[in-house]
Amino acid sequence: MVWRGPCAPIRWSMRGAGFRAMQFNFVVSSNERAVTLWRSFGFEIVGRLAEAFEHPRLGLVDALVMYGCCEKAPARLGGTVSGGAGGFVH
């Protein structure tokens, strides 16, 4: 089980520091728990690096680039989001 505790507060507090978005540049696609966790916080897959990680059991797997806004909780989590996908904005 993945501990969700600090994920949302850290993300939304980033806005107070002037950040409008966060991007994870290397989420291993076979790590389904991590992908599911970040998607549950409104992050979207905006890129894919083909066969960028050599998994000890699965061999070469893709890495994902995941993006999410920091302004407010995403609409699917009860808030609103402005802006679109693209990259890191400070």
Protein backbone atom coordinates (compact mmCIF):
# COMPACT_ATOMS: atom_id res chain seq x y z
CA MET A 1 0.00 0.00 0.00
CA VAL A 2 1.24 3.50 -0.86
CA TRP A 3 1.17 6.14 1.87
CA ARG A 4 -0.86 9.06 0.54
CA GLY A 5 -0.49 11.30 3.62
CA PRO A 6 1.93 14.02 2.53
CA CYS A 7 1.20 14.03 -1.21
CA ALA A 8 -1.69 16.50 -1.41
CA PRO A 9 -0.52 18.98 1.27
CA ILE A 10 2.96 19.23 -0.28
CA ARG A 11 1.53 19.75 -3.73
CA TRP A 12 -0.92 22.46 -2.74
CA SER A 13 1.61 24.21 -0.47
CA MET A 14 3.92 24.55 -3.47
CA ARG A 15 1.52 27.21 -4.74
CA GLY A 16 2.31 29.31 -1.68
CA ALA A 17 5.98 29.21 -2.72
CA GLY A 18 5.10 30.57 -6.17
CA PHE A 19 5.00 27.32 -8.12
CA ARG A 20 2.05 26.80 -10.45
CA ALA A 21 2.85 23.28 -11.62
CA MET A 22 4.83 20.17 -10.82
CA GLN A 23 6.30 17.66 -13.21
CA PHE A 24 7.77 14.25 -12.57
CA ASN A 25 10.20 13.47 -15.37
CA PHE A 26 10.79 9.78 -14.71
CA VAL A 27 7.96 7.62 -13.34
CA VAL A 28 8.62 4.01 -14.27
CA SER A 29 5.54 2.79 -16.15
CA SER A 30 5.60 -0.65 -14.53
CA ASN A 31 5.28 0.97 -11.08
CA GLU A 32 1.49 0.84 -11.20
CA ARG A 33 1.09 2.01 -7.60
CA ALA A 34 3.05 5.20 -8.23
CA VAL A 35 1.22 5.92 -11.50
CA THR A 36 -2.16 5.33 -9.83
CA LEU A 37 -1.21 7.53 -6.86
CA TRP A 38 -0.13 10.50 -8.96
CA ARG A 39 -3.16 10.16 -11.26
CA SER A 40 -5.43 10.19 -8.19
CA PHE A 41 -3.96 13.61 -7.37
CA GLY A 42 -4.75 14.91 -10.84
CA PHE A 43 -1.39 14.36 -12.51
CA GLU A 44 -1.58 13.43 -16.17
CA ILE A 45 0.81 11.54 -18.40
CA VAL A 46 2.17 14.10 -20.87
CA GLY A 47 5.10 12.16 -22.25
CA ARG A 48 6.65 8.73 -22.53
CA LEU A 49 10.32 7.75 -22.78
CA ALA A 50 10.40 4.45 -24.65
CA GLU A 51 12.37 1.67 -22.94
CA ALA A 52 14.14 4.16 -20.66
CA PHE A 53 14.41 1.89 -17.60
CA GLU A 54 15.81 -1.61 -17.34
CA HIS A 55 13.63 -3.41 -14.83
CA PRO A 56 15.39 -6.38 -13.19
CA ARG A 57 12.45 -8.70 -13.93
CA LEU A 58 10.54 -7.12 -16.81
CA GLY A 59 13.43 -5.91 -18.92
CA LEU A 60 13.17 -2.56 -20.71
CA VAL A 61 10.08 -0.56 -19.73
CA ASP A 62 8.93 2.96 -20.53
CA ALA A 63 9.28 5.93 -18.20
CA LEU A 64 6.46 8.46 -17.96
CA VAL A 65 6.50 12.24 -17.67
CA MET A 66 3.65 13.29 -15.38
CA TYR A 67 2.35 16.85 -14.95
CA GLY A 68 -0.04 18.45 -12.49
CA CYS A 69 -1.14 21.97 -11.54
CA CYS A 70 -0.50 23.24 -8.02
CA GLU A 71 -3.02 26.06 -7.97
CA LYS A 72 -5.90 24.21 -6.32
CA ALA A 73 -7.04 20.64 -5.94
CA PRO A 74 -8.10 19.25 -9.34
CA ALA A 75 -11.81 19.30 -10.16
CA ARG A 76 -12.02 15.53 -9.70
CA LEU A 77 -10.78 16.09 -6.11
CA GLY A 78 -13.29 18.84 -5.35
CA GLY A 79 -11.36 21.94 -6.49
CA THR A 80 -10.69 23.79 -9.69
CA VAL A 81 -7.75 23.84 -12.05
CA SER A 82 -6.73 26.61 -14.41
CA GLY A 83 -4.15 26.35 -17.14
CA GLY A 84 -3.13 23.35 -19.17
CA ALA A 85 -0.45 20.73 -19.48
CA GLY A 86 2.94 21.68 -20.73
CA GLY A 87 5.73 21.85 -18.24
CA PHE A 88 7.18 23.42 -15.15
CA VAL A 89 5.93 26.94 -14.55
CA HIS A 90 7.40 29.22 -11.87
